[in-house]
Amino acid sequence: MQEQSYEIRDPIHGFIALSEKEVNLINTKAFQRLRRIRQLAMAFLVYPGTLHTRFDHSIGVMHIAGRICDRLKTPPEEREQVRLAALLHDIGHGPFSHVSEHLLDKHVPKPEEGELALEKIHEKITVDIVKNDSEICEILSDEEQQFVIEMIEGKTTKDFRRDIVSSDLDADKMDYLLRDSYFAGVKYGTYDLEKIIESCRVDHRGNESYLAISSEGIHALEQLLLAKQHMIQQVYHHRVRSISDAMIIRGIELAIDEENQELKQLYRYDGTPEFIENYMEYHDERLIDILKQRDKEKACNIFKRLYERRLFKIIGEVSLNNIKNPIDKRRLYQADDDQIRKWEERIAEDLEIDPNDVIVKKLQIRNPNYGSQSYSFNIEAIIIFDEKQSDSRSLSDYEIILARLPSDEIDLEIVQVYAPRDDWNVLSTVKRQTEQEQLQKKVQKILLAP
């Protein structure tokens, strides 16, 4: 009996065909939770349309992964397994997406002596869900479940199928650039997806295989890389997005420091089924509701501000590229949490405000989202296959625009300081600019003090 097929309408990819198994996975409680986790956290505070979620993004990634498999003539069974892995690759995301990665990494229990440190907590949570969620386990066969886990965790040998799901050039990036650009209402993230898919090849090296791009598609690939760079600078790194992310993190950390047991339990990953069961109950709106209703906690004020869009302002910043003294540059670049806290206390003392209302944040233009692999490109790792020469080389060997950009345009490090300045909304332009200039000088003096 032939399996029934379904289809849904997606604003980015049009009609997307779904198998019955894929529909069943989408209808699980674990996957439906992704409807309530926004792709770009609170970027809607500056781009009102960015209300799209991990739910629709995951379906889009699955669709692109399937199209790449079609281009590579992957056997039907393998194609379906790759689509399943792509569909489930984000199922472990927590509230506010990548912000949760930062908090999980920070608050994971330190390993005992002799134990290996836990890495990529978000991926471990995804694997735990795939392994243990009763609904998902009932839908996936043992072989499919193991394949999905291998595609998320990685294998000991390189596999082009894993590259499709998670690599420096994967279906995840191909979808979110188009999707984020569309919902933000900007054109920075557009590129020729059709040419990219048409150019996909498999590069075999012994018993290993890699996803590669034909040399004929290098200009479309270059367009994709530049689209990513422009989206970082104009959308992902927009000052309102940076400030709101920093406020989310500060608010949650304050709640944890104030012994909010609910949040301590949420962000203290221990690998137990109980942790996963509890984790799956949380999403963006629930976390906001929890924190803005706790009147006696300092975190409450920050989340009320976020909810009402009374955001902190940038009161000063220092660009490392403008610092001539290498010692000063190194001290800023290597500043740890203790040093950052001292800066915040010193600035707060000068402003006569609570130190918790001052946030010093180091930003990196290449990857502003806490080091997540899905938000980075490494041109050294992207393979170009020259069919005329029957040879493959790294993209870095080719003359492309991104490779010719000065390094400081790619790796620009900035230290920014945020604090509440509600009075700026009512000051005249001249008075506001005067105060901004004065605060900028004070902040620079504190950050650059030996």
Protein backbone atom coordinates (compact mmCIF):
# COMPACT_ATOMS: atom_id res chain seq x y z
CA MET A 1 0.00 0.00 0.00
CA GLN A 2 1.46 3.36 -1.03
CA GLU A 3 2.11 5.83 1.78
CA GLN A 4 -0.17 8.85 1.78
CA SER A 5 1.53 12.15 0.97
CA TYR A 6 0.73 15.63 2.24
CA GLU A 7 1.82 19.16 1.45
CA ILE A 8 1.95 22.52 3.16
CA ARG A 9 2.37 26.04 1.87
CA ASP A 10 5.55 27.84 2.94
CA PRO A 11 6.16 31.56 2.21
CA ILE A 12 9.78 30.88 1.24
CA HIS A 13 9.67 27.61 -0.68
CA GLY A 14 6.06 27.40 -1.87
CA PHE A 15 4.41 23.99 -1.60
CA ILE A 16 6.43 21.50 0.46
CA ALA A 17 5.59 17.81 0.12
CA LEU A 18 5.54 15.77 3.31
CA SER A 19 5.48 12.04 3.93
CA GLU A 20 3.10 10.56 6.48
CA LYS A 21 6.01 9.92 8.86
CA GLU A 22 7.15 13.54 8.59
CA VAL A 23 3.63 14.75 9.31
CA ASN A 24 3.48 12.49 12.37
CA LEU A 25 6.77 13.91 13.66
CA ILE A 26 5.58 17.46 13.09
CA ASN A 27 2.45 16.69 15.10
CA THR A 28 4.39 15.51 18.17
CA LYS A 29 4.31 17.67 21.29
CA ALA A 30 8.09 18.10 21.11
CA PHE A 31 7.99 19.54 17.59
CA GLN A 32 4.89 21.66 18.15
CA ARG A 33 6.77 23.41 20.98
CA LEU A 34 8.95 25.00 18.28
CA ARG A 35 5.95 27.10 17.21
CA ARG A 36 6.50 29.11 20.40
CA ILE A 37 10.25 29.65 20.01
CA ARG A 38 11.05 32.55 17.70
CA GLN A 39 13.88 32.17 15.24
CA LEU A 40 15.43 35.56 16.07
CA ALA A 41 14.49 35.91 19.75
CA MET A 42 13.23 39.51 20.23
CA ALA A 43 14.43 40.96 16.92
CA PHE A 44 10.76 41.87 16.32
CA LEU A 45 11.39 44.86 18.58
CA VAL A 46 13.18 46.45 15.62
CA TYR A 47 11.94 44.32 12.69
CA PRO A 48 8.22 43.79 13.50
CA GLY A 49 7.81 40.99 10.97
CA THR A 50 10.39 38.67 12.53
CA LEU A 51 7.83 36.61 14.38
CA HIS A 52 8.72 33.43 12.50
CA THR A 53 9.69 30.41 14.55
CA ARG A 54 11.92 27.36 14.76
CA PHE A 55 8.87 25.39 13.63
CA ASP A 56 8.66 26.77 10.09
CA HIS A 57 12.44 27.06 9.80
CA SER A 58 12.87 23.34 10.60
CA ILE A 59 10.39 22.37 7.90
CA GLY A 60 12.23 24.62 5.44
CA VAL A 61 15.57 23.01 6.30
CA MET A 62 14.05 19.58 5.72
CA HIS A 63 12.77 20.72 2.31
CA ILE A 64 16.15 22.08 1.16
CA ALA A 65 17.95 18.98 2.47
CA GLY A 66 15.61 16.81 0.41
CA ARG A 67 16.22 18.91 -2.70
CA ILE A 68 19.99 18.59 -2.28
CA CYS A 69 19.57 14.82 -1.97
CA ASP A 70 17.49 14.83 -5.16
CA ARG A 71 20.26 16.71 -6.98
CA LEU A 72 22.85 14.22 -5.72
CA LYS A 73 20.59 11.27 -6.67
CA THR A 74 20.71 9.93 -3.12
CA PRO A 75 18.80 6.62 -2.74
CA PRO A 76 15.19 7.16 -1.57
CA GLU A 77 15.70 5.55 1.85
CA GLU A 78 18.77 7.70 2.57
CA ARG A 79 16.99 10.79 1.26
CA GLU A 80 14.15 10.24 3.72
CA GLN A 81 16.61 9.74 6.60
CA VAL A 82 18.43 12.99 5.76
CA ARG A 83 15.09 14.83 5.67
CA LEU A 84 14.17 13.40 9.08
CA ALA A 85 17.49 14.52 10.55
CA ALA A 86 17.06 18.00 9.05
CA LEU A 87 13.50 18.20 10.40
CA LEU A 88 14.60 17.34 13.94
CA HIS A 89 17.93 19.21 14.01
CA ASP A 90 16.55 22.16 16.05
CA ILE A 91 14.16 20.29 18.32
CA GLY A 92 16.42 20.88 21.34
CA HIS A 93 16.32 24.68 21.15
CA GLY A 94 15.34 26.44 24.33
CA PRO A 95 13.59 29.77 24.94
CA PHE A 96 14.93 32.60 22.76
CA SER A 97 16.86 30.14 20.54
CA HIS A 98 20.61 30.83 20.58
CA VAL A 99 20.39 32.85 23.79
CA SER A 100 19.62 29.57 25.58
CA GLU A 101 22.80 28.02 24.20
CA HIS A 102 24.86 30.67 25.95
CA LEU A 103 23.08 30.13 29.27
CA LEU A 104 23.18 26.33 29.07
CA ASP A 105 26.90 26.37 28.34
CA LYS A 106 27.53 28.75 31.24
CA HIS A 107 25.47 26.95 33.88
CA VAL A 108 26.20 23.32 33.05
CA PRO A 109 27.73 21.59 36.12
CA LYS A 110 31.52 21.50 36.00
CA PRO A 111 32.85 17.99 35.29
CA GLU A 112 34.37 15.98 38.10
CA GLU A 113 38.09 15.29 37.99
CA GLY A 114 38.83 12.83 35.19
CA GLU A 115 35.50 13.43 33.42
CA LEU A 116 35.30 15.01 29.98
CA ALA A 117 33.71 18.45 29.73
CA LEU A 118 30.28 18.57 28.12
CA GLU A 119 30.32 20.33 24.77
CA LYS A 120 27.52 21.56 22.51
CA ILE A 121 24.83 21.21 25.15
CA HIS A 122 22.13 22.20 22.66
CA GLU A 123 23.05 19.24 20.43
CA LYS A 124 23.13 16.89 23.44
CA ILE A 125 19.62 17.99 24.40
CA THR A 126 18.46 17.40 20.81
CA VAL A 127 19.92 13.88 20.88
CA ASP A 128 18.35 13.20 24.29
CA ILE A 129 14.94 14.19 22.92
CA VAL A 130 15.33 12.00 19.81
CA LYS A 131 16.44 9.08 22.00
CA ASN A 132 13.86 9.37 24.75
CA ASP A 133 10.73 11.20 23.60
CA SER A 134 8.02 8.53 23.56
CA GLU A 135 6.15 9.98 20.57
CA ILE A 136 9.29 10.34 18.44
CA CYS A 137 10.55 6.87 19.41
CA GLU A 138 7.24 5.38 18.34
CA ILE A 139 7.42 7.03 14.89
CA LEU A 140 11.10 6.45 14.02
CA SER A 141 12.50 2.99 13.37
CA ASP A 142 15.67 2.02 15.28
CA GLU A 143 17.70 2.56 12.09
CA GLU A 144 16.17 5.99 11.47
CA GLN A 145 16.69 7.03 15.07
CA GLN A 146 20.36 6.03 14.98
CA PHE A 147 20.88 7.83 11.66
CA VAL A 148 19.33 11.05 12.98
CA ILE A 149 21.55 10.90 16.09
CA GLU A 150 24.66 10.38 13.94
CA MET A 151 23.75 13.31 11.72
CA ILE A 152 23.39 15.58 14.76
CA GLU A 153 26.36 14.31 16.78
CA GLY A 154 28.66 13.64 13.85
CA LYS A 155 30.42 10.44 12.83
CA THR A 156 34.05 9.36 13.14
CA THR A 157 34.34 9.54 9.34
CA LYS A 158 33.24 12.45 7.17
CA ASP A 159 29.86 11.91 5.51
CA PHE A 160 28.32 14.23 2.90
CA ARG A 161 24.89 13.48 4.31
CA ARG A 162 25.92 14.99 7.63
CA ASP A 163 27.29 18.01 5.74
CA ILE A 164 23.81 18.59 4.33
CA VAL A 165 22.37 18.73 7.86
CA SER A 166 25.22 20.41 9.76
CA SER A 167 28.34 21.95 8.25
CA ASP A 168 29.79 25.26 7.13
CA LEU A 169 27.48 25.08 4.12
CA ASP A 170 24.32 23.27 5.17
CA ALA A 171 20.60 23.39 4.49
CA ASP A 172 20.13 25.21 7.81
CA LYS A 173 22.02 28.30 6.61
CA MET A 174 20.42 28.14 3.18
CA ASP A 175 16.97 28.35 4.75
CA TYR A 176 17.46 30.83 7.58
CA LEU A 177 19.14 33.46 5.39
CA LEU A 178 16.17 33.57 3.03
CA ARG A 179 13.61 33.21 5.81
CA ASP A 180 15.10 35.82 8.15
CA SER A 181 15.54 38.27 5.28
CA TYR A 182 11.94 37.77 4.13
CA PHE A 183 10.37 38.30 7.54
CA ALA A 184 12.66 41.19 8.43
CA GLY A 185 11.54 42.88 5.22
CA VAL A 186 15.08 43.35 3.91
CA LYS A 187 16.89 42.11 0.78
CA TYR A 188 20.31 41.49 2.33
CA GLY A 189 19.80 37.75 2.73
CA THR A 190 18.72 36.91 -0.81
CA TYR A 191 20.86 34.71 -3.04
CA ASP A 192 20.40 32.18 -5.86
CA LEU A 193 19.26 29.05 -4.02
CA GLU A 194 18.45 27.24 -7.25
CA LYS A 195 22.01 27.63 -8.53
CA ILE A 196 23.46 26.52 -5.19
CA ILE A 197 21.40 23.32 -5.19
CA GLU A 198 22.16 22.70 -8.87
CA SER A 199 25.88 23.05 -8.08
CA CYS A 200 25.93 20.55 -5.19
CA ARG A 201 28.33 17.63 -5.64
CA VAL A 202 29.77 14.80 -3.54
CA ASP A 203 33.53 14.82 -3.11
CA HIS A 204 34.76 11.29 -2.34
CA ARG A 205 38.10 10.92 -0.54
CA GLY A 206 38.81 7.30 0.32
CA ASN A 207 36.11 6.09 2.70
CA GLU A 208 35.01 9.65 3.45
CA SER A 209 32.72 11.96 1.52
CA TYR A 210 32.04 15.71 1.60
CA LEU A 211 29.34 18.00 0.28
CA ALA A 212 30.98 20.23 -2.35
CA ILE A 213 29.96 22.95 -4.78
CA SER A 214 30.78 22.85 -8.48
CA SER A 215 33.17 25.57 -9.63
CA GLU A 216 30.38 26.72 -11.94
CA GLY A 217 28.36 27.69 -8.87
CA ILE A 218 31.09 29.69 -7.16
CA HIS A 219 29.45 33.05 -7.90
CA ALA A 220 26.16 31.91 -6.38
CA LEU A 221 28.14 30.65 -3.39
CA GLU A 222 29.90 33.99 -3.13
CA GLN A 223 26.49 35.67 -3.19
CA LEU A 224 25.40 33.42 -0.32
CA LEU A 225 28.48 34.28 1.76
CA LEU A 226 28.02 38.01 1.20
CA ALA A 227 24.32 37.72 2.03
CA LYS A 228 25.30 36.18 5.36
CA GLN A 229 27.83 38.94 6.04
CA HIS A 230 25.28 41.64 5.25
CA MET A 231 22.60 40.00 7.41
CA ILE A 232 25.02 39.91 10.35
CA GLN A 233 25.79 43.59 10.04
CA GLN A 234 22.27 44.83 9.30
CA VAL A 235 19.94 42.40 11.12
CA TYR A 236 21.64 39.93 13.48
CA HIS A 237 24.01 42.60 14.78
CA HIS A 238 21.50 45.46 14.84
CA ARG A 239 21.91 47.44 18.05
CA VAL A 240 18.35 46.73 19.23
CA ARG A 241 18.86 42.99 18.70
CA SER A 242 22.19 43.10 20.57
CA ILE A 243 20.68 45.07 23.46
CA SER A 244 17.57 42.90 23.78
CA ASP A 245 19.67 39.69 23.74
CA ALA A 246 21.95 41.13 26.43
CA MET A 247 18.94 42.13 28.54
CA ILE A 248 17.42 38.64 28.21
CA ILE A 249 20.67 37.05 29.39
CA ARG A 250 21.12 39.53 32.25
CA GLY A 251 17.53 39.04 33.41
CA ILE A 252 17.77 35.24 33.45
CA GLU A 253 21.18 35.29 35.14
CA LEU A 254 19.87 37.64 37.82
CA ALA A 255 16.96 35.28 38.45
CA ILE A 256 19.36 32.34 38.77
CA ASP A 257 21.65 34.32 41.10
CA GLU A 258 18.61 35.19 43.22
CA GLU A 259 17.97 31.48 43.68
CA ASN A 260 15.03 31.21 41.30
CA GLN A 261 14.89 27.41 41.49
CA GLU A 262 12.71 27.10 38.41
CA LEU A 263 15.31 28.75 36.17
CA LYS A 264 18.26 27.10 37.90
CA GLN A 265 16.68 23.77 37.05
CA LEU A 266 15.92 24.85 33.46
CA TYR A 267 19.49 25.87 32.59
CA ARG A 268 21.45 23.32 34.62
CA TYR A 269 21.71 20.45 32.12
CA ASP A 270 22.52 17.10 33.74
CA GLY A 271 21.55 14.64 31.02
CA THR A 272 18.72 13.05 33.00
CA PRO A 273 15.25 12.25 31.59
CA GLU A 274 13.79 14.53 34.29
CA PHE A 275 15.76 17.48 32.93
CA ILE A 276 14.50 16.87 29.39
CA GLU A 277 10.89 16.43 30.54
CA ASN A 278 11.04 19.76 32.37
CA TYR A 279 12.96 21.52 29.57
CA MET A 280 10.30 20.64 27.02
CA GLU A 281 7.71 22.67 28.93
CA TYR A 282 9.45 26.01 28.27
CA HIS A 283 9.29 28.50 25.41
CA ASP A 284 9.68 32.26 24.88
CA GLU A 285 6.36 33.52 26.22
CA ARG A 286 6.33 31.26 29.26
CA LEU A 287 9.75 32.51 30.33
CA ILE A 288 8.71 36.15 29.88
CA ASP A 289 5.54 35.58 31.91
CA ILE A 290 7.45 33.86 34.71
CA LEU A 291 10.04 36.59 35.07
CA LYS A 292 7.96 39.73 34.65
CA GLN A 293 5.52 38.61 37.36
CA ARG A 294 8.09 38.13 40.13
CA ASP A 295 7.92 41.58 41.68
CA LYS A 296 10.64 41.07 44.30
CA GLU A 297 13.30 39.93 41.85
CA LYS A 298 15.66 42.31 40.06
CA ALA A 299 15.12 40.23 36.92
CA CYS A 300 11.50 41.37 36.88
CA ASN A 301 12.41 44.97 36.04
CA ILE A 302 14.49 43.91 33.04
CA PHE A 303 11.80 41.65 31.61
CA LYS A 304 9.10 44.26 32.16
CA ARG A 305 11.31 46.63 30.18
CA LEU A 306 11.63 44.09 27.38
CA TYR A 307 7.89 43.42 27.39
CA GLU A 308 7.12 47.16 27.20
CA ARG A 309 10.04 47.91 24.83
CA ARG A 310 11.79 50.25 27.26
CA LEU A 311 15.22 49.10 26.25
CA PHE A 312 18.63 50.02 27.57
CA LYS A 313 20.67 52.39 25.41
CA ILE A 314 24.24 52.19 24.16
CA ILE A 315 26.07 54.64 26.42
CA GLY A 316 29.54 53.94 25.06
CA GLU A 317 31.66 51.57 23.02
CA VAL A 318 35.26 50.80 22.15
CA SER A 319 36.37 49.22 18.87
CA LEU A 320 39.47 47.08 19.23
CA ASN A 321 40.52 48.02 15.72
CA ASN A 322 40.90 51.65 16.82
CA ILE A 323 43.21 50.81 19.72
CA LYS A 324 46.88 51.21 18.87
CA ASN A 325 48.36 49.87 22.12
CA PRO A 326 48.52 46.04 21.79
CA ILE A 327 48.43 45.62 25.58
CA ASP A 328 45.16 47.56 25.85
CA LYS A 329 43.73 45.61 22.93
CA ARG A 330 44.67 42.26 24.46
CA ARG A 331 43.25 43.22 27.85
CA LEU A 332 39.88 44.12 26.32
CA TYR A 333 39.80 41.07 24.07
CA GLN A 334 40.66 38.64 26.88
CA ALA A 335 38.50 40.21 29.60
CA ASP A 336 36.79 37.50 31.65
CA ASP A 337 33.51 37.65 33.59
CA ASP A 338 35.22 39.03 36.71
CA GLN A 339 36.82 41.89 34.79
CA ILE A 340 33.58 42.69 32.98
CA ARG A 341 31.75 42.80 36.31
CA LYS A 342 34.33 45.26 37.69
CA TRP A 343 33.79 47.50 34.67
CA GLU A 344 30.03 47.36 35.20
CA GLU A 345 30.38 48.28 38.88
CA ARG A 346 32.71 51.16 38.09
CA ILE A 347 30.41 52.57 35.38
CA ALA A 348 27.35 52.12 37.62
CA GLU A 349 29.08 53.98 40.43
CA ASP A 350 29.83 56.84 38.07
CA LEU A 351 26.20 56.93 36.86
CA GLU A 352 24.80 56.34 40.36
CA ILE A 353 22.68 53.39 39.28
CA ASP A 354 22.40 49.69 40.17
CA PRO A 355 25.37 47.69 38.73
CA ASN A 356 22.86 45.11 37.47
CA ASP A 357 21.52 47.79 35.13
CA VAL A 358 24.87 48.15 33.39
CA ILE A 359 25.79 45.54 30.79
CA VAL A 360 29.24 45.36 29.21
CA LYS A 361 29.12 43.13 26.15
CA LYS A 362 31.84 42.01 23.76
CA LEU A 363 30.57 41.69 20.22
CA GLN A 364 32.17 39.94 17.27
CA ILE A 365 30.90 40.88 13.82
CA ARG A 366 31.71 37.50 12.27
CA ASN A 367 29.59 35.67 14.82
CA PRO A 368 27.49 37.77 17.20
CA ASN A 369 25.38 34.85 18.42
CA TYR A 370 27.51 33.29 21.11
CA GLY A 371 29.71 31.11 18.92
CA SER A 372 26.96 28.96 17.46
CA GLN A 373 28.21 27.00 14.43
CA SER A 374 25.00 27.65 12.54
CA TYR A 375 25.84 31.37 12.56
CA SER A 376 29.33 31.12 11.10
CA PHE A 377 31.11 30.45 7.82
CA ASN A 378 34.61 29.04 7.46
CA ILE A 379 35.66 29.41 3.84
CA GLU A 380 38.57 27.03 4.51
CA ALA A 381 36.06 24.23 5.12
CA ILE A 382 33.91 24.82 2.02
CA ILE A 383 34.96 22.58 -0.87
CA ILE A 384 34.83 23.57 -4.53
CA PHE A 385 34.83 20.73 -7.09
CA ASP A 386 36.39 21.58 -10.46
CA GLU A 387 34.79 19.14 -12.91
CA LYS A 388 37.11 20.09 -15.77
CA GLN A 389 40.14 19.20 -13.67
CA SER A 390 38.36 16.45 -11.69
CA ASP A 391 39.86 18.03 -8.63
CA SER A 392 38.62 19.69 -5.44
CA ARG A 393 40.03 22.62 -3.50
CA SER A 394 39.11 24.81 -0.57
CA LEU A 395 37.06 27.91 -1.33
CA SER A 396 39.87 29.95 0.26
CA ASP A 397 42.03 29.11 -2.79
CA TYR A 398 39.69 31.10 -5.03
CA GLU A 399 39.57 34.85 -5.60
CA ILE A 400 36.26 35.85 -4.07
CA ILE A 401 35.14 39.19 -2.69
CA LEU A 402 34.89 37.98 0.91
CA ALA A 403 38.49 36.77 0.86
CA ARG A 404 39.65 40.19 -0.38
CA LEU A 405 37.94 42.14 2.41
CA PRO A 406 40.31 43.55 5.05
CA SER A 407 40.31 41.23 8.05
CA ASP A 408 39.06 43.98 10.36
CA GLU A 409 35.85 44.18 8.32
CA ILE A 410 35.25 40.51 9.01
CA ASP A 411 36.48 40.08 12.59
CA LEU A 412 35.66 43.49 14.05
CA GLU A 413 35.57 43.23 17.83
CA ILE A 414 33.59 45.83 19.76
CA VAL A 415 32.98 46.29 23.48
CA GLN A 416 29.64 47.99 24.04
CA VAL A 417 28.05 49.26 27.26
CA TYR A 418 24.28 49.31 27.78
CA ALA A 419 22.32 51.07 30.53
CA PRO A 420 18.84 52.56 31.03
CA ARG A 421 18.61 56.16 29.81
CA ASP A 422 14.86 56.73 29.53
CA ASP A 423 15.38 60.49 29.73
CA TRP A 424 16.98 60.49 26.27
CA ASN A 425 13.52 60.07 24.78
CA VAL A 426 12.48 63.53 25.99
CA LEU A 427 15.76 65.44 25.69
CA SER A 428 16.38 67.74 22.78
CA THR A 429 18.71 66.43 20.09
CA VAL A 430 21.51 68.78 21.17
CA LYS A 431 21.28 67.85 24.87
CA ARG A 432 21.09 64.14 24.08
CA GLN A 433 24.14 64.27 21.81
CA THR A 434 26.07 66.23 24.44
CA GLU A 435 25.31 63.64 27.13
CA GLN A 436 26.14 60.78 24.75
CA GLU A 437 29.54 62.30 24.02
CA GLN A 438 30.25 62.77 27.72
CA LEU A 439 29.25 59.20 28.57
CA GLN A 440 31.31 57.85 25.68
CA LYS A 441 34.43 59.52 27.10
CA LYS A 442 33.73 58.18 30.59
CA VAL A 443 33.15 54.65 29.31
CA GLN A 444 36.31 54.66 27.20
CA LYS A 445 38.34 55.91 30.16
CA ILE A 446 37.06 53.11 32.41
CA LEU A 447 37.46 50.33 29.82
CA LEU A 448 40.96 51.42 28.84
CA ALA A 449 42.21 52.10 32.38
CA PRO A 450 45.20 49.86 33.26
